[in-house]
Amino acid sequence: STEMAQRIARSLASAAAPAFRGSFAARPAALRVAARWSHSGGGGNGGSSRFFNWRFAAFASGAAALGGASALIQIAYCKEADEAQEAKEWAELMSAFGGESAAGPKKIIISGAPASGKGTQCEFLVQKFGVVHISTGDALREQVKAGTDLGKKAKGFMDSGGLVPDEVMIGIVNARLAEKDCVEKGWLLDGFPRTAAQAEAIKKGGHTADKFIILNVPDNILIERCVGRRTDPVTGKIYHTKFNPAPNDPVIQNRLVHRSDDTAAAMVKRLEQYHTNVSAVKGYYTSILKEFNGVGDKMKISAALISFVAE
């Protein structure tokens, strides 16, 4: 059965690009929607229902051979993404199939204090779901480098030593979320929004998150993690004097940097600001929010986060 499913999936995956692909379970509702949808002329490729019917026939026969609802088969079809009606019909079809792509690309917000392990978990989420990882710092630097209007405004404040205003940062984040890679792959927004007003502005910009993740680590552990951090400016790797010592190589040891804000006093101030920010925004995302214990095995924490996002 597994071999047959793989053979059908390979056959369908060979469809001409551009294609939308995903795995879906056969359900009676899916058969009804697909039949109506194909007869109405949907299915992309210039509106050719035959193009979709070929794939659906292969899907249906494969599903029947593998036991109906228990079968997971891959289907593909050429999608005219700029046609609103077709996109709506395709979403209806995906919902009927109960497929993992029914809700489209993942849209995730993650929040965690400095040294909470958020960076590591972001890497795991990107690997699993293929989303675009966005930090406000990276988005800001990209806009400045590109010389956009928003970037020029931000650079003016940065050059004068001032903080970039909220409205400029919101504009930069909204602009980044609207870029093609984020629209197609989904996004993982790291540490933003920090206030309810920012959250509302992101929503008004047309960007709504599916999941909000908070990594919780006690302050005393965060301070210990932070104070012991050392950065290799050549490789960018981060070590810790206790938990992850750098190689016993004099060349590496001599170039390690202890950041000026990786002190207990500085960390206390950063944590105060973090707790203020996360408290302000939690209420806005109550329906999609889940808090996780950030202490423990990173792979177990990753599994819990992935399970939540995949729900």
C-alpha atoms as a PDB file:
ATOM      1  CA  SER A   1       0.000   0.000   0.000  1.00  0.00           C
ATOM      2  CA  THR A   2       2.797   2.401   0.857  1.00  0.00           C
ATOM      3  CA  GLU A   3       4.541   1.630  -2.414  1.00  0.00           C
ATOM      4  CA  MET A   4       1.349   2.299  -4.393  1.00  0.00           C
ATOM      5  CA  ALA A   5       0.804   5.607  -2.607  1.00  0.00           C
ATOM      6  CA  GLN A   6       4.348   6.674  -3.381  1.00  0.00           C
ATOM      7  CA  ARG A   7       3.963   5.687  -7.039  1.00  0.00           C
ATOM      8  CA  ILE A   8       0.767   7.717  -7.404  1.00  0.00           C
ATOM      9  CA  ALA A   9       2.324  10.663  -5.595  1.00  0.00           C
ATOM     10  CA  ARG A  10       5.334  10.618  -7.914  1.00  0.00           C
ATOM     11  CA  SER A  11       3.086  10.479 -10.946  1.00  0.00           C
ATOM     12  CA  LEU A  12       1.031  13.434  -9.800  1.00  0.00           C
ATOM     13  CA  ALA A  13       4.067  15.411  -8.665  1.00  0.00           C
ATOM     14  CA  SER A  14       5.392  15.324 -12.215  1.00  0.00           C
ATOM     15  CA  ALA A  15       2.674  17.774 -13.345  1.00  0.00           C
ATOM     16  CA  ALA A  16       3.869  20.843 -15.206  1.00  0.00           C
ATOM     17  CA  ALA A  17       4.929  23.757 -13.042  1.00  0.00           C
ATOM     18  CA  PRO A  18       3.798  26.020 -11.525  1.00  0.00           C
ATOM     19  CA  ALA A  19       1.964  23.561  -9.334  1.00  0.00           C
ATOM     20  CA  PHE A  20       0.319  23.435  -5.940  1.00  0.00           C
ATOM     21  CA  ARG A  21       1.025  20.176  -4.149  1.00  0.00           C
ATOM     22  CA  GLY A  22      -0.053  18.662  -0.869  1.00  0.00           C
ATOM     23  CA  SER A  23      -1.191  15.444   0.811  1.00  0.00           C
ATOM     24  CA  PHE A  24      -4.870  14.929   1.478  1.00  0.00           C
ATOM     25  CA  ALA A  25      -7.128  12.253   2.904  1.00  0.00           C
ATOM     26  CA  ALA A  26     -10.058  11.083   0.790  1.00  0.00           C
ATOM     27  CA  ARG A  27     -13.428  11.950   2.327  1.00  0.00           C
ATOM     28  CA  PRO A  28     -16.961  11.877   0.882  1.00  0.00           C
ATOM     29  CA  ALA A  29     -17.236  15.671   1.106  1.00  0.00           C
ATOM     30  CA  ALA A  30     -14.103  15.956  -0.980  1.00  0.00           C
ATOM     31  CA  LEU A  31     -15.595  13.822  -3.739  1.00  0.00           C
ATOM     32  CA  ARG A  32     -18.689  16.021  -3.940  1.00  0.00           C
ATOM     33  CA  VAL A  33     -16.812  19.303  -3.940  1.00  0.00           C
ATOM     34  CA  ALA A  34     -14.244  18.068  -6.449  1.00  0.00           C
ATOM     35  CA  ALA A  35     -16.894  16.807  -8.841  1.00  0.00           C
ATOM     36  CA  ARG A  36     -18.839  20.077  -8.706  1.00  0.00           C
ATOM     37  CA  TRP A  37     -15.675  22.149  -8.904  1.00  0.00           C
ATOM     38  CA  SER A  38     -14.244  20.351 -11.943  1.00  0.00           C
ATOM     39  CA  HIS A  39     -17.569  20.527 -13.809  1.00  0.00           C
ATOM     40  CA  SER A  40     -17.644  24.288 -13.225  1.00  0.00           C
ATOM     41  CA  GLY A  41     -14.433  24.636 -15.207  1.00  0.00           C
ATOM     42  CA  GLY A  42     -12.043  25.318 -12.323  1.00  0.00           C
ATOM     43  CA  GLY A  43      -8.617  23.865 -11.966  1.00  0.00           C
ATOM     44  CA  GLY A  44      -6.287  26.354 -13.558  1.00  0.00           C
ATOM     45  CA  ASN A  45      -4.371  25.743 -16.774  1.00  0.00           C
ATOM     46  CA  GLY A  46      -6.578  28.182 -18.643  1.00  0.00           C
ATOM     47  CA  GLY A  47      -9.736  26.925 -16.937  1.00  0.00           C
ATOM     48  CA  SER A  48      -9.404  23.396 -18.308  1.00  0.00           C
ATOM     49  CA  SER A  49     -11.516  21.055 -16.212  1.00  0.00           C
ATOM     50  CA  ARG A  50      -9.861  18.110 -17.970  1.00  0.00           C
ATOM     51  CA  PHE A  51      -6.529  19.148 -16.457  1.00  0.00           C
ATOM     52  CA  PHE A  52      -7.958  18.831 -12.956  1.00  0.00           C
ATOM     53  CA  ASN A  53     -10.104  15.766 -13.732  1.00  0.00           C
ATOM     54  CA  TRP A  54      -7.022  13.771 -14.762  1.00  0.00           C
ATOM     55  CA  ARG A  55      -5.453  14.384 -11.387  1.00  0.00           C
ATOM     56  CA  PHE A  56      -8.650  13.809  -9.462  1.00  0.00           C
ATOM     57  CA  ALA A  57      -9.301  10.510 -11.267  1.00  0.00           C
ATOM     58  CA  ALA A  58      -5.812   9.318 -10.359  1.00  0.00           C
ATOM     59  CA  PHE A  59      -6.348  10.445  -6.786  1.00  0.00           C
ATOM     60  CA  ALA A  60      -9.756   8.781  -6.464  1.00  0.00           C
ATOM     61  CA  SER A  61      -8.612   5.455  -7.914  1.00  0.00           C
ATOM     62  CA  GLY A  62      -5.528   5.433  -5.734  1.00  0.00           C
ATOM     63  CA  ALA A  63      -7.546   6.248  -2.634  1.00  0.00           C
ATOM     64  CA  ALA A  64     -10.019   3.468  -3.372  1.00  0.00           C
ATOM     65  CA  ALA A  65      -7.198   0.972  -3.853  1.00  0.00           C
ATOM     66  CA  LEU A  66      -5.653   1.954  -0.539  1.00  0.00           C
ATOM     67  CA  GLY A  67      -8.832   1.872   1.487  1.00  0.00           C
ATOM     68  CA  GLY A  68     -10.569   5.197   1.026  1.00  0.00           C
ATOM     69  CA  ALA A  69     -10.288   7.533   3.984  1.00  0.00           C
ATOM     70  CA  SER A  70      -7.059   5.994   5.237  1.00  0.00           C
ATOM     71  CA  ALA A  71      -5.166   6.903   2.077  1.00  0.00           C
ATOM     72  CA  LEU A  72      -2.892   9.899   1.816  1.00  0.00           C
ATOM     73  CA  ILE A  73      -2.223  10.781  -1.812  1.00  0.00           C
ATOM     74  CA  GLN A  74      -0.506  13.762  -3.387  1.00  0.00           C
ATOM     75  CA  ILE A  75      -2.386  15.854  -5.932  1.00  0.00           C
ATOM     76  CA  ALA A  76      -1.217  18.802  -8.003  1.00  0.00           C
ATOM     77  CA  TYR A  77      -2.757  21.429 -10.197  1.00  0.00           C
ATOM     78  CA  CYS A  78      -1.632  24.596 -11.966  1.00  0.00           C
ATOM     79  CA  LYS A  79      -3.004  27.549 -10.044  1.00  0.00           C
ATOM     80  CA  GLU A  80      -3.744  31.039 -11.321  1.00  0.00           C
ATOM     81  CA  ALA A  81      -3.097  32.678  -7.956  1.00  0.00           C
ATOM     82  CA  ASP A  82      -4.261  36.113  -9.075  1.00  0.00           C
ATOM     83  CA  GLU A  83      -7.802  34.932  -9.784  1.00  0.00           C
ATOM     84  CA  ALA A  84      -9.735  35.519  -6.572  1.00  0.00           C
ATOM     85  CA  GLN A  85     -12.651  33.225  -7.400  1.00  0.00           C
ATOM     86  CA  GLU A  86     -10.399  30.340  -8.333  1.00  0.00           C
ATOM     87  CA  ALA A  87      -8.404  30.810  -5.149  1.00  0.00           C
ATOM     88  CA  LYS A  88     -11.621  30.726  -3.127  1.00  0.00           C
ATOM     89  CA  GLU A  89     -12.791  27.533  -4.847  1.00  0.00           C
ATOM     90  CA  TRP A  90      -9.413  25.899  -4.374  1.00  0.00           C
ATOM     91  CA  ALA A  91      -9.496  26.736  -0.641  1.00  0.00           C
ATOM     92  CA  GLU A  92     -12.961  25.140  -0.450  1.00  0.00           C
ATOM     93  CA  LEU A  93     -11.640  22.015  -2.124  1.00  0.00           C
ATOM     94  CA  MET A  94      -8.666  21.795   0.209  1.00  0.00           C
ATOM     95  CA  SER A  95     -10.933  22.194   3.210  1.00  0.00           C
ATOM     96  CA  ALA A  96     -13.149  19.348   1.991  1.00  0.00           C
ATOM     97  CA  PHE A  97     -10.132  17.097   1.578  1.00  0.00           C
ATOM     98  CA  GLY A  98      -9.072  17.885   5.122  1.00  0.00           C
ATOM     99  CA  GLY A  99      -5.527  18.313   3.878  1.00  0.00           C
ATOM    100  CA  GLU A 100      -2.664  19.861   5.745  1.00  0.00           C
ATOM    101  CA  SER A 101      -2.530  22.649   3.150  1.00  0.00           C
ATOM    102  CA  ALA A 102      -6.173  23.540   3.637  1.00  0.00           C
ATOM    103  CA  ALA A 103      -5.305  26.619   5.690  1.00  0.00           C
ATOM    104  CA  GLY A 104      -2.479  27.666   3.415  1.00  0.00           C
ATOM    105  CA  PRO A 105       1.053  28.525   4.507  1.00  0.00           C
ATOM    106  CA  LYS A 106       1.748  28.773   8.237  1.00  0.00           C
ATOM    107  CA  LYS A 107       1.749  32.211   9.834  1.00  0.00           C
ATOM    108  CA  ILE A 108       3.443  32.135  13.212  1.00  0.00           C
ATOM    109  CA  ILE A 109       4.504  34.643  15.847  1.00  0.00           C
ATOM    110  CA  ILE A 110       7.061  33.588  18.458  1.00  0.00           C
ATOM    111  CA  SER A 111       8.023  35.463  21.590  1.00  0.00           C
ATOM    112  CA  GLY A 112      10.745  34.695  24.092  1.00  0.00           C
ATOM    113  CA  ALA A 113      13.141  36.599  26.299  1.00  0.00           C
ATOM    114  CA  PRO A 114      16.815  37.010  25.383  1.00  0.00           C
ATOM    115  CA  ALA A 115      18.634  33.668  25.911  1.00  0.00           C
ATOM    116  CA  SER A 116      15.325  31.750  26.023  1.00  0.00           C
ATOM    117  CA  GLY A 117      16.373  29.467  23.160  1.00  0.00           C
ATOM    118  CA  LYS A 118      14.027  31.209  20.758  1.00  0.00           C
ATOM    119  CA  GLY A 119      16.616  31.342  17.983  1.00  0.00           C
ATOM    120  CA  THR A 120      17.138  27.590  18.091  1.00  0.00           C
ATOM    121  CA  GLN A 121      13.402  26.907  18.022  1.00  0.00           C
ATOM    122  CA  CYS A 122      12.965  29.309  15.110  1.00  0.00           C
ATOM    123  CA  GLU A 123      15.481  27.229  13.144  1.00  0.00           C
ATOM    124  CA  PHE A 124      13.503  24.051  13.850  1.00  0.00           C
ATOM    125  CA  LEU A 125      10.201  25.662  12.825  1.00  0.00           C
ATOM    126  CA  VAL A 126      11.704  26.942   9.579  1.00  0.00           C
ATOM    127  CA  GLN A 127      13.100  23.490   8.796  1.00  0.00           C
ATOM    128  CA  LYS A 128       9.762  21.807   9.503  1.00  0.00           C
ATOM    129  CA  PHE A 129       7.300  24.181   7.846  1.00  0.00           C
ATOM    130  CA  GLY A 130       9.428  26.008   5.281  1.00  0.00           C
ATOM    131  CA  VAL A 131       8.274  29.411   6.531  1.00  0.00           C
ATOM    132  CA  VAL A 132      10.282  32.628   6.185  1.00  0.00           C
ATOM    133  CA  HIS A 133      11.932  33.695   9.443  1.00  0.00           C
ATOM    134  CA  ILE A 134      11.579  37.441   9.998  1.00  0.00           C
ATOM    135  CA  SER A 135      13.213  39.492  12.730  1.00  0.00           C
ATOM    136  CA  THR A 136      12.549  43.202  12.901  1.00  0.00           C
ATOM    137  CA  GLY A 137      16.285  43.887  12.872  1.00  0.00           C
ATOM    138  CA  ASP A 138      16.803  41.968   9.631  1.00  0.00           C
ATOM    139  CA  ALA A 139      13.748  43.547   8.003  1.00  0.00           C
ATOM    140  CA  LEU A 140      14.958  47.002   9.033  1.00  0.00           C
ATOM    141  CA  ARG A 141      18.447  46.455   7.624  1.00  0.00           C
ATOM    142  CA  GLU A 142      17.020  45.128   4.334  1.00  0.00           C
ATOM    143  CA  GLN A 143      14.878  48.239   3.851  1.00  0.00           C
ATOM    144  CA  VAL A 144      17.803  50.560   4.627  1.00  0.00           C
ATOM    145  CA  LYS A 145      20.100  48.656   2.273  1.00  0.00           C
ATOM    146  CA  ALA A 146      17.495  48.723  -0.513  1.00  0.00           C
ATOM    147  CA  GLY A 147      17.053  52.474  -0.096  1.00  0.00           C
ATOM    148  CA  THR A 148      13.266  52.296   0.096  1.00  0.00           C
ATOM    149  CA  ASP A 149      11.227  55.232   1.410  1.00  0.00           C
ATOM    150  CA  LEU A 150      10.722  53.360   4.685  1.00  0.00           C
ATOM    151  CA  GLY A 151      14.410  52.514   4.802  1.00  0.00           C
ATOM    152  CA  LYS A 152      15.405  56.150   4.299  1.00  0.00           C
ATOM    153  CA  LYS A 153      13.088  57.252   7.090  1.00  0.00           C
ATOM    154  CA  ALA A 154      14.499  54.601   9.425  1.00  0.00           C
ATOM    155  CA  LYS A 155      18.091  55.480   8.520  1.00  0.00           C
ATOM    156  CA  GLY A 156      17.489  59.102   9.439  1.00  0.00           C
ATOM    157  CA  PHE A 157      16.543  58.134  12.986  1.00  0.00           C
ATOM    158  CA  MET A 158      19.325  55.551  13.244  1.00  0.00           C
ATOM    159  CA  ASP A 159      22.009  57.991  12.082  1.00  0.00           C
ATOM    160  CA  SER A 160      20.902  60.533  14.678  1.00  0.00           C
ATOM    161  CA  GLY A 161      21.035  57.932  17.426  1.00  0.00           C
ATOM    162  CA  GLY A 162      17.272  57.867  17.936  1.00  0.00           C
ATOM    163  CA  LEU A 163      14.843  54.962  18.064  1.00  0.00           C
ATOM    164  CA  VAL A 164      12.956  54.102  14.886  1.00  0.00           C
ATOM    165  CA  PRO A 165       9.310  55.205  15.479  1.00  0.00           C
ATOM    166  CA  ASP A 166       6.543  52.667  15.794  1.00  0.00           C
ATOM    167  CA  GLU A 167       4.804  53.677  12.574  1.00  0.00           C
ATOM    168  CA  VAL A 168       8.024  53.204  10.565  1.00  0.00           C
ATOM    169  CA  MET A 169       8.729  49.754  12.077  1.00  0.00           C
ATOM    170  CA  ILE A 170       5.126  48.682  11.483  1.00  0.00           C
ATOM    171  CA  GLY A 171       5.416  49.791   7.867  1.00  0.00           C
ATOM    172  CA  ILE A 172       8.656  47.851   7.459  1.00  0.00           C
ATOM    173  CA  VAL A 173       7.186  44.670   8.957  1.00  0.00           C
ATOM    174  CA  ASN A 174       4.008  44.928   6.889  1.00  0.00           C
ATOM    175  CA  ALA A 175       6.086  45.469   3.751  1.00  0.00           C
ATOM    176  CA  ARG A 176       8.202  42.397   4.510  1.00  0.00           C
ATOM    177  CA  LEU A 177       5.169  40.198   5.175  1.00  0.00           C
ATOM    178  CA  ALA A 178       3.697  41.265   1.826  1.00  0.00           C
ATOM    179  CA  GLU A 179       6.732  40.096  -0.148  1.00  0.00           C
ATOM    180  CA  LYS A 180       6.352  37.092  -2.441  1.00  0.00           C
ATOM    181  CA  ASP A 181       8.323  34.584  -0.366  1.00  0.00           C
ATOM    182  CA  CYS A 182       6.212  35.271   2.732  1.00  0.00           C
ATOM    183  CA  VAL A 183       2.945  35.081   0.786  1.00  0.00           C
ATOM    184  CA  GLU A 184       3.891  31.755  -0.803  1.00  0.00           C
ATOM    185  CA  LYS A 185       5.754  30.059   2.053  1.00  0.00           C
ATOM    186  CA  GLY A 186       4.216  31.640   5.129  1.00  0.00           C
ATOM    187  CA  TRP A 187       6.152  33.423   7.861  1.00  0.00           C
ATOM    188  CA  LEU A 188       7.587  33.201  11.338  1.00  0.00           C
ATOM    189  CA  LEU A 189       7.576  36.648  12.938  1.00  0.00           C
ATOM    190  CA  ASP A 190      10.219  36.792  15.651  1.00  0.00           C
ATOM    191  CA  GLY A 191       9.640  39.085  18.633  1.00  0.00           C
ATOM    192  CA  PHE A 192       7.086  41.361  16.990  1.00  0.00           C
ATOM    193  CA  PRO A 193       4.509  42.772  17.623  1.00  0.00           C
ATOM    194  CA  ARG A 194       5.387  43.949  21.126  1.00  0.00           C
ATOM    195  CA  THR A 195       2.231  45.945  21.841  1.00  0.00           C
ATOM    196  CA  ALA A 196      -1.488  45.619  21.166  1.00  0.00           C
ATOM    197  CA  ALA A 197      -1.288  48.693  18.911  1.00  0.00           C
ATOM    198  CA  GLN A 198       1.405  47.012  16.789  1.00  0.00           C
ATOM    199  CA  ALA A 199      -0.667  43.831  16.650  1.00  0.00           C
ATOM    200  CA  GLU A 200      -3.695  45.775  15.432  1.00  0.00           C
ATOM    201  CA  ALA A 201      -1.578  47.599  12.829  1.00  0.00           C
ATOM    202  CA  ILE A 202      -0.233  44.283  11.500  1.00  0.00           C
ATOM    203  CA  LYS A 203      -3.782  42.976  11.200  1.00  0.00           C
ATOM    204  CA  LYS A 204      -4.930  46.126   9.399  1.00  0.00           C
ATOM    205  CA  GLY A 205      -2.025  45.578   7.039  1.00  0.00           C
ATOM    206  CA  GLY A 206      -3.696  42.327   5.992  1.00  0.00           C
ATOM    207  CA  HIS A 207      -1.518  39.930   7.984  1.00  0.00           C
ATOM    208  CA  THR A 208      -3.152  37.588  10.491  1.00  0.00           C
ATOM    209  CA  ALA A 209      -1.229  34.995  12.476  1.00  0.00           C
ATOM    210  CA  ASP A 210      -2.437  31.402  12.944  1.00  0.00           C
ATOM    211  CA  LYS A 211      -0.391  30.648  16.062  1.00  0.00           C
ATOM    212  CA  PHE A 212       1.325  32.658  18.776  1.00  0.00           C
ATOM    213  CA  ILE A 213       4.086  30.884  20.708  1.00  0.00           C
ATOM    214  CA  ILE A 214       5.592  32.082  23.989  1.00  0.00           C
ATOM    215  CA  LEU A 215       8.726  30.438  25.376  1.00  0.00           C
ATOM    216  CA  ASN A 216       8.882  30.792  29.158  1.00  0.00           C
ATOM    217  CA  VAL A 217      12.181  30.507  31.042  1.00  0.00           C
ATOM    218  CA  PRO A 218      12.701  31.710  34.650  1.00  0.00           C
ATOM    219  CA  ASP A 219      14.628  34.988  34.891  1.00  0.00           C
ATOM    220  CA  ASN A 220      17.432  33.532  37.018  1.00  0.00           C
ATOM    221  CA  ILE A 221      18.163  30.913  34.350  1.00  0.00           C
ATOM    222  CA  LEU A 222      18.026  33.529  31.587  1.00  0.00           C
ATOM    223  CA  ILE A 223      20.537  35.709  33.451  1.00  0.00           C
ATOM    224  CA  GLU A 224      22.906  32.766  33.926  1.00  0.00           C
ATOM    225  CA  ARG A 225      22.632  31.847  30.241  1.00  0.00           C
ATOM    226  CA  CYS A 226      23.207  35.407  29.143  1.00  0.00           C
ATOM    227  CA  VAL A 227      26.133  36.320  31.402  1.00  0.00           C
ATOM    228  CA  GLY A 228      28.094  33.266  30.252  1.00  0.00           C
ATOM    229  CA  ARG A 229      27.592  33.852  26.520  1.00  0.00           C
ATOM    230  CA  ARG A 230      30.600  34.422  24.276  1.00  0.00           C
ATOM    231  CA  THR A 231      30.411  35.178  20.560  1.00  0.00           C
ATOM    232  CA  ASP A 232      32.947  34.253  17.881  1.00  0.00           C
ATOM    233  CA  PRO A 233      32.968  37.305  15.560  1.00  0.00           C
ATOM    234  CA  VAL A 234      34.518  35.286  12.737  1.00  0.00           C
ATOM    235  CA  THR A 235      32.046  32.388  12.572  1.00  0.00           C
ATOM    236  CA  GLY A 236      29.087  33.999  14.326  1.00  0.00           C
ATOM    237  CA  LYS A 237      28.810  31.013  16.658  1.00  0.00           C
ATOM    238  CA  ILE A 238      27.653  31.580  20.211  1.00  0.00           C
ATOM    239  CA  TYR A 239      29.244  29.636  23.050  1.00  0.00           C
ATOM    240  CA  HIS A 240      28.670  29.527  26.800  1.00  0.00           C
ATOM    241  CA  THR A 241      31.325  29.256  29.468  1.00  0.00           C
ATOM    242  CA  LYS A 242      29.291  26.604  31.316  1.00  0.00           C
ATOM    243  CA  PHE A 243      26.719  25.032  28.994  1.00  0.00           C
ATOM    244  CA  ASN A 244      28.509  25.104  25.636  1.00  0.00           C
ATOM    245  CA  PRO A 245      32.218  25.916  25.978  1.00  0.00           C
ATOM    246  CA  ALA A 246      34.186  27.061  22.940  1.00  0.00           C
ATOM    247  CA  PRO A 247      36.819  24.713  21.472  1.00  0.00           C
ATOM    248  CA  ASN A 248      40.086  24.634  23.403  1.00  0.00           C
ATOM    249  CA  ASP A 249      41.851  26.486  20.622  1.00  0.00           C
ATOM    250  CA  PRO A 250      43.919  29.560  21.606  1.00  0.00           C
ATOM    251  CA  VAL A 251      43.036  31.330  18.345  1.00  0.00           C
ATOM    252  CA  ILE A 252      39.291  30.936  18.939  1.00  0.00           C
ATOM    253  CA  GLN A 253      39.553  31.616  22.675  1.00  0.00           C
ATOM    254  CA  ASN A 254      41.390  34.906  22.122  1.00  0.00           C
ATOM    255  CA  ARG A 255      38.858  36.307  19.671  1.00  0.00           C
ATOM    256  CA  LEU A 256      35.700  35.523  21.652  1.00  0.00           C
ATOM    257  CA  VAL A 257      33.607  38.582  22.494  1.00  0.00           C
ATOM    258  CA  HIS A 258      31.542  39.209  25.619  1.00  0.00           C
ATOM    259  CA  ARG A 259      28.815  41.650  24.586  1.00  0.00           C
ATOM    260  CA  SER A 260      28.426  44.750  26.735  1.00  0.00           C
ATOM    261  CA  ASP A 261      24.732  43.998  27.301  1.00  0.00           C
ATOM    262  CA  ASP A 262      25.409  40.406  28.367  1.00  0.00           C
ATOM    263  CA  THR A 263      25.793  41.408  32.010  1.00  0.00           C
ATOM    264  CA  ALA A 264      23.480  40.718  34.937  1.00  0.00           C
ATOM    265  CA  ALA A 265      22.538  44.388  35.330  1.00  0.00           C
ATOM    266  CA  ALA A 266      21.818  44.886  31.643  1.00  0.00           C
ATOM    267  CA  MET A 267      19.924  41.611  31.477  1.00  0.00           C
ATOM    268  CA  VAL A 268      17.627  42.612  34.347  1.00  0.00           C
ATOM    269  CA  LYS A 269      16.613  45.746  32.423  1.00  0.00           C
ATOM    270  CA  ARG A 270      16.101  43.793  29.182  1.00  0.00           C
ATOM    271  CA  LEU A 271      13.921  41.261  30.997  1.00  0.00           C
ATOM    272  CA  GLU A 272      11.800  43.990  32.563  1.00  0.00           C
ATOM    273  CA  GLN A 273      11.157  45.420  29.110  1.00  0.00           C
ATOM    274  CA  TYR A 274      10.424  41.963  27.671  1.00  0.00           C
ATOM    275  CA  HIS A 275       7.859  41.123  30.360  1.00  0.00           C
ATOM    276  CA  THR A 276       6.169  44.484  29.834  1.00  0.00           C
ATOM    277  CA  ASN A 277       5.974  43.893  26.094  1.00  0.00           C
ATOM    278  CA  VAL A 278       4.684  40.324  26.233  1.00  0.00           C
ATOM    279  CA  SER A 279       2.065  41.183  28.861  1.00  0.00           C
ATOM    280  CA  ALA A 280       0.783  43.977  26.631  1.00  0.00           C
ATOM    281  CA  VAL A 281       0.340  41.769  23.581  1.00  0.00           C
ATOM    282  CA  LYS A 282      -0.822  38.456  25.103  1.00  0.00           C
ATOM    283  CA  GLY A 283      -4.428  39.573  25.454  1.00  0.00           C
ATOM    284  CA  TYR A 284      -4.659  40.374  21.764  1.00  0.00           C
ATOM    285  CA  TYR A 285      -3.797  36.816  20.721  1.00  0.00           C
ATOM    286  CA  THR A 286      -5.629  34.805  23.381  1.00  0.00           C
ATOM    287  CA  SER A 287      -7.421  32.536  20.887  1.00  0.00           C
ATOM    288  CA  ILE A 288      -4.236  31.411  19.108  1.00  0.00           C
ATOM    289  CA  LEU A 289      -1.705  31.628  21.945  1.00  0.00           C
ATOM    290  CA  LYS A 290       0.051  28.842  23.811  1.00  0.00           C
ATOM    291  CA  GLU A 291       2.863  29.105  26.348  1.00  0.00           C
ATOM    292  CA  PHE A 292       5.656  26.537  26.541  1.00  0.00           C
ATOM    293  CA  ASN A 293       8.300  25.698  29.106  1.00  0.00           C
ATOM    294  CA  GLY A 294      11.597  26.703  27.490  1.00  0.00           C
ATOM    295  CA  VAL A 295      13.712  24.742  29.973  1.00  0.00           C
ATOM    296  CA  GLY A 296      14.720  21.217  29.047  1.00  0.00           C
ATOM    297  CA  ASP A 297      15.720  19.175  26.024  1.00  0.00           C
ATOM    298  CA  LYS A 298      15.558  21.390  22.931  1.00  0.00           C
ATOM    299  CA  MET A 299      14.289  18.528  20.748  1.00  0.00           C
ATOM    300  CA  LYS A 300      11.367  17.831  23.085  1.00  0.00           C
ATOM    301  CA  ILE A 301      10.515  21.521  23.181  1.00  0.00           C
ATOM    302  CA  SER A 302      10.702  21.596  19.377  1.00  0.00           C
ATOM    303  CA  ALA A 303       8.346  18.604  19.088  1.00  0.00           C
ATOM    304  CA  ALA A 304       5.789  20.354  21.311  1.00  0.00           C
ATOM    305  CA  LEU A 305       5.974  23.562  19.282  1.00  0.00           C
ATOM    306  CA  ILE A 306       5.693  21.720  15.964  1.00  0.00           C
ATOM    307  CA  SER A 307       2.680  19.775  17.194  1.00  0.00           C
ATOM    308  CA  PHE A 308       0.953  23.017  18.213  1.00  0.00           C
ATOM    309  CA  VAL A 309       1.653  24.748  14.883  1.00  0.00           C
ATOM    310  CA  ALA A 310       0.484  21.705  12.933  1.00  0.00           C
ATOM    311  CA  GLU A 311      -2.909  21.570  14.711  1.00  0.00           C
END
